[in-house]
Every structure is written in C-alpha cells, then in structure tokens.
N, C-alpha and C. Protein backbone atom coordinates (compact mmCIF):
# COMPACT_ATOMS: atom_id res chain seq x y z
N GLY A 1 0.82 -1.19 0.00
CA GLY A 1 0.00 0.00 0.00
C GLY A 1 0.85 1.24 0.00
N ALA A 2 0.22 2.37 -0.13
CA ALA A 2 0.94 3.64 -0.15
C ALA A 2 1.05 4.19 1.27
N GLU A 3 2.20 4.75 1.59
CA GLU A 3 2.41 5.38 2.88
C GLU A 3 2.00 6.84 2.79
N ALA A 4 2.00 7.54 3.93
CA ALA A 4 1.60 8.94 3.98
C ALA A 4 2.47 9.82 3.09
N ASP A 5 3.74 9.45 2.92
CA ASP A 5 4.63 10.28 2.10
C ASP A 5 4.51 9.96 0.61
N GLY A 6 3.58 9.08 0.24
CA GLY A 6 3.36 8.75 -1.16
C GLY A 6 4.21 7.62 -1.70
N LYS A 7 5.14 7.13 -0.89
CA LYS A 7 6.00 6.03 -1.33
C LYS A 7 5.29 4.70 -1.10
N GLU A 8 5.55 3.77 -1.97
CA GLU A 8 4.97 2.43 -1.85
C GLU A 8 5.69 1.65 -0.75
N SER A 9 4.95 0.92 0.04
CA SER A 9 5.55 0.06 1.06
C SER A 9 5.12 -1.38 0.80
N TRP A 10 5.93 -2.30 1.26
CA TRP A 10 5.65 -3.73 1.07
C TRP A 10 5.59 -4.40 2.43
N SER A 11 4.76 -5.40 2.52
CA SER A 11 4.71 -6.19 3.75
C SER A 11 4.48 -7.65 3.37
N TRP A 12 4.99 -8.55 4.20
CA TRP A 12 4.82 -9.98 3.97
C TRP A 12 3.38 -10.37 4.22
N ARG A 13 2.85 -11.27 3.40
CA ARG A 13 1.49 -11.77 3.59
C ARG A 13 1.49 -13.07 4.37
N THR A 14 2.66 -13.59 4.60
CA THR A 14 2.78 -14.85 5.33
C THR A 14 3.95 -14.76 6.29
N ASP A 15 3.96 -15.62 7.27
CA ASP A 15 5.07 -15.68 8.22
C ASP A 15 6.17 -16.52 7.58
N VAL A 16 7.16 -15.85 6.98
CA VAL A 16 8.23 -16.52 6.24
C VAL A 16 9.04 -17.46 7.15
N SER A 17 9.15 -17.12 8.41
CA SER A 17 9.93 -17.96 9.32
C SER A 17 9.36 -19.38 9.43
N LYS A 18 8.07 -19.55 9.15
CA LYS A 18 7.47 -20.88 9.21
C LYS A 18 7.90 -21.77 8.04
N ALA A 19 8.49 -21.19 7.01
CA ALA A 19 8.94 -21.97 5.85
C ALA A 19 10.35 -22.52 6.03
N THR A 20 11.01 -22.16 7.10
CA THR A 20 12.39 -22.57 7.33
C THR A 20 12.57 -24.08 7.25
N SER A 21 11.68 -24.82 7.84
CA SER A 21 11.82 -26.28 7.83
C SER A 21 11.68 -26.85 6.43
N CYS A 22 10.96 -26.17 5.56
CA CYS A 22 10.78 -26.63 4.18
C CYS A 22 12.02 -26.34 3.33
N LEU A 23 12.78 -25.33 3.70
CA LEU A 23 13.90 -24.89 2.88
C LEU A 23 15.24 -25.47 3.29
N SER A 24 15.36 -25.96 4.50
CA SER A 24 16.66 -26.40 4.99
C SER A 24 17.28 -27.49 4.13
N HIS A 25 16.48 -28.40 3.60
CA HIS A 25 17.01 -29.49 2.78
C HIS A 25 17.60 -28.99 1.46
N CYS A 26 17.22 -27.80 1.04
CA CYS A 26 17.73 -27.25 -0.23
C CYS A 26 19.24 -27.04 -0.21
N PHE A 27 19.80 -26.86 0.98
CA PHE A 27 21.22 -26.55 1.10
C PHE A 27 22.06 -27.72 1.58
N GLU A 28 21.42 -28.84 1.90
CA GLU A 28 22.17 -30.00 2.37
C GLU A 28 23.08 -30.53 1.28
N GLY A 29 24.35 -30.72 1.60
CA GLY A 29 25.30 -31.28 0.65
C GLY A 29 25.84 -30.28 -0.36
N LEU A 30 25.44 -29.03 -0.27
CA LEU A 30 25.87 -28.02 -1.24
C LEU A 30 27.38 -27.75 -1.16
N SER A 31 27.92 -27.71 0.04
CA SER A 31 29.36 -27.49 0.19
C SER A 31 30.16 -28.62 -0.44
N GLU A 32 29.71 -29.85 -0.23
CA GLU A 32 30.41 -31.01 -0.80
C GLU A 32 30.36 -30.97 -2.33
N LEU A 33 29.21 -30.59 -2.89
CA LEU A 33 29.10 -30.47 -4.35
C LEU A 33 30.03 -29.39 -4.89
N PHE A 34 30.08 -28.26 -4.21
CA PHE A 34 30.95 -27.16 -4.62
C PHE A 34 32.41 -27.59 -4.62
N VAL A 35 32.83 -28.18 -3.52
CA VAL A 35 34.23 -28.60 -3.37
C VAL A 35 34.60 -29.66 -4.41
N ALA A 36 33.67 -30.52 -4.76
CA ALA A 36 33.95 -31.62 -5.69
C ALA A 36 34.01 -31.19 -7.16
N LEU A 37 33.59 -29.99 -7.47
CA LEU A 37 33.64 -29.54 -8.87
C LEU A 37 35.07 -29.62 -9.40
N PRO A 38 35.28 -30.27 -10.55
CA PRO A 38 36.64 -30.46 -11.08
C PRO A 38 37.10 -29.27 -11.93
N LEU A 39 37.02 -28.06 -11.35
CA LEU A 39 37.45 -26.87 -12.07
C LEU A 39 37.85 -25.81 -11.07
N PRO A 40 38.55 -24.77 -11.51
CA PRO A 40 38.92 -23.70 -10.58
C PRO A 40 37.67 -23.04 -10.00
N LYS A 41 37.72 -22.73 -8.72
CA LYS A 41 36.55 -22.18 -8.05
C LYS A 41 36.91 -20.92 -7.26
N LEU A 42 35.93 -20.01 -7.20
CA LEU A 42 36.03 -18.80 -6.39
C LEU A 42 34.76 -18.72 -5.56
N LEU A 43 34.91 -18.60 -4.25
CA LEU A 43 33.77 -18.43 -3.36
C LEU A 43 33.84 -17.01 -2.81
N VAL A 44 32.80 -16.23 -3.05
CA VAL A 44 32.72 -14.86 -2.55
C VAL A 44 31.69 -14.84 -1.44
N VAL A 45 32.11 -14.41 -0.26
CA VAL A 45 31.23 -14.39 0.90
C VAL A 45 31.29 -13.03 1.58
N GLY A 46 30.26 -12.72 2.36
CA GLY A 46 30.24 -11.47 3.12
C GLY A 46 30.96 -11.59 4.44
N ALA A 47 31.11 -12.81 4.93
CA ALA A 47 31.81 -13.09 6.19
C ALA A 47 32.12 -14.58 6.22
N VAL A 48 33.14 -14.95 6.99
CA VAL A 48 33.53 -16.36 7.04
C VAL A 48 32.90 -17.11 8.21
N ASP A 49 32.15 -16.44 9.03
CA ASP A 49 31.61 -17.08 10.23
C ASP A 49 30.57 -18.15 9.95
N ARG A 50 30.02 -18.20 8.73
CA ARG A 50 29.01 -19.22 8.42
C ARG A 50 29.56 -20.35 7.54
N MET A 51 30.86 -20.35 7.30
CA MET A 51 31.45 -21.44 6.50
C MET A 51 31.45 -22.72 7.34
N ASP A 52 31.03 -23.81 6.71
CA ASP A 52 31.00 -25.08 7.43
C ASP A 52 32.37 -25.76 7.38
N ALA A 53 32.49 -26.88 8.08
CA ALA A 53 33.76 -27.60 8.18
C ALA A 53 34.26 -28.06 6.81
N THR A 54 33.36 -28.45 5.93
CA THR A 54 33.75 -28.90 4.58
C THR A 54 34.45 -27.77 3.83
N LEU A 55 33.85 -26.59 3.85
CA LEU A 55 34.45 -25.45 3.15
C LEU A 55 35.75 -25.00 3.81
N GLU A 56 35.78 -24.98 5.12
CA GLU A 56 37.01 -24.57 5.81
C GLU A 56 38.17 -25.50 5.48
N ALA A 57 37.93 -26.80 5.53
CA ALA A 57 38.99 -27.77 5.24
C ALA A 57 39.45 -27.66 3.79
N ALA A 58 38.50 -27.55 2.86
CA ALA A 58 38.85 -27.45 1.44
C ALA A 58 39.62 -26.17 1.15
N HIS A 59 39.26 -25.08 1.82
CA HIS A 59 39.99 -23.82 1.61
C HIS A 59 41.41 -23.94 2.14
N MET A 60 41.58 -24.56 3.30
CA MET A 60 42.93 -24.75 3.86
C MET A 60 43.78 -25.64 2.96
N GLN A 61 43.13 -26.53 2.20
CA GLN A 61 43.84 -27.40 1.26
C GLN A 61 44.09 -26.72 -0.08
N GLY A 62 43.62 -25.50 -0.24
CA GLY A 62 43.83 -24.76 -1.48
C GLY A 62 42.93 -25.22 -2.62
N ARG A 63 41.78 -25.78 -2.31
CA ARG A 63 40.90 -26.32 -3.35
C ARG A 63 40.00 -25.28 -4.00
N PHE A 64 39.99 -24.07 -3.43
CA PHE A 64 39.27 -22.96 -4.06
C PHE A 64 39.81 -21.65 -3.50
N ARG A 65 39.57 -20.59 -4.24
CA ARG A 65 39.95 -19.25 -3.81
C ARG A 65 38.79 -18.64 -3.04
N LEU A 66 39.09 -17.94 -1.97
CA LEU A 66 38.08 -17.32 -1.13
C LEU A 66 38.29 -15.81 -1.11
N ASP A 67 37.24 -15.07 -1.44
CA ASP A 67 37.27 -13.61 -1.33
C ASP A 67 36.18 -13.19 -0.37
N VAL A 68 36.55 -12.36 0.61
CA VAL A 68 35.59 -11.86 1.59
C VAL A 68 35.31 -10.39 1.26
N VAL A 69 34.05 -10.11 0.96
CA VAL A 69 33.59 -8.74 0.72
C VAL A 69 32.64 -8.43 1.87
N PRO A 70 33.12 -7.70 2.89
CA PRO A 70 32.26 -7.46 4.05
C PRO A 70 30.89 -6.92 3.65
N HIS A 71 29.86 -7.67 4.04
CA HIS A 71 28.51 -7.32 3.61
C HIS A 71 27.52 -8.02 4.53
N PRO A 72 26.56 -7.28 5.05
CA PRO A 72 25.60 -7.90 5.97
C PRO A 72 24.39 -8.56 5.30
N GLY A 73 24.23 -8.38 4.01
CA GLY A 73 23.03 -8.89 3.34
C GLY A 73 23.22 -10.20 2.63
N HIS A 74 22.30 -10.49 1.71
CA HIS A 74 22.30 -11.75 0.98
C HIS A 74 22.74 -11.61 -0.47
N TYR A 75 22.77 -10.42 -1.01
CA TYR A 75 23.00 -10.22 -2.44
C TYR A 75 24.24 -9.38 -2.71
N ILE A 76 25.40 -9.92 -2.37
CA ILE A 76 26.67 -9.20 -2.56
C ILE A 76 26.81 -8.78 -4.02
N HIS A 77 26.52 -9.70 -4.93
CA HIS A 77 26.69 -9.45 -6.36
C HIS A 77 25.82 -8.31 -6.86
N GLU A 78 24.68 -8.07 -6.22
CA GLU A 78 23.83 -6.96 -6.63
C GLU A 78 24.14 -5.68 -5.87
N ASP A 79 24.43 -5.82 -4.58
CA ASP A 79 24.67 -4.64 -3.75
C ASP A 79 26.07 -4.05 -3.90
N ARG A 80 27.06 -4.87 -4.26
CA ARG A 80 28.44 -4.38 -4.37
C ARG A 80 29.11 -4.97 -5.61
N PRO A 81 28.51 -4.79 -6.79
CA PRO A 81 29.04 -5.41 -8.01
C PRO A 81 30.46 -4.96 -8.36
N GLU A 82 30.82 -3.75 -8.00
CA GLU A 82 32.16 -3.27 -8.32
C GLU A 82 33.25 -4.03 -7.57
N GLU A 83 32.89 -4.65 -6.45
CA GLU A 83 33.86 -5.41 -5.66
C GLU A 83 33.84 -6.90 -6.02
N VAL A 84 32.80 -7.32 -6.66
CA VAL A 84 32.68 -8.72 -7.03
C VAL A 84 33.23 -8.88 -8.43
C-alpha cells in the first residue's frame, strides 16, 4: 500500500519464518558439491563465520579461492558489483 509520504511500502502476507523447515534441505550437501567440482573455483562471501567444516577444510587445502567482501546482506553481487 501507499504510505503517507506517497511512497509504496511492502509487507509480507505470510510468516516466512514458518517456511524454514521446508527450505533447509535445499542446502544440504551443497558445500560437498561445490568442493567436488573439477574446475577452478572462487567463493565470494560477506563473512567467514558461516562457513561449514567442509568449506574450511577445502579452503585450507587450497581447493578454491576465497574472497571476503564485508557485507551484511544476501545479495553481494547486486549490492556491491564493483567489488565482485
């Protein structure tokens, strides 16, 4: 709907947090698949605190290049394209 200042505002129509259990399986095994790719790899992240043991071990073994672009959001490539 429109706000008092004339700008459009958006609101969720559903409680997105309730979908978490449906989405968790989408990411299972993703690190293993990434590491197993038989080609040069670059992983760009906003922070390293969410890297799992698979990614940490593979990075220490030099199996991919890691670039950290400090960013609090989800879309580094859209929000900071000049750094990516």
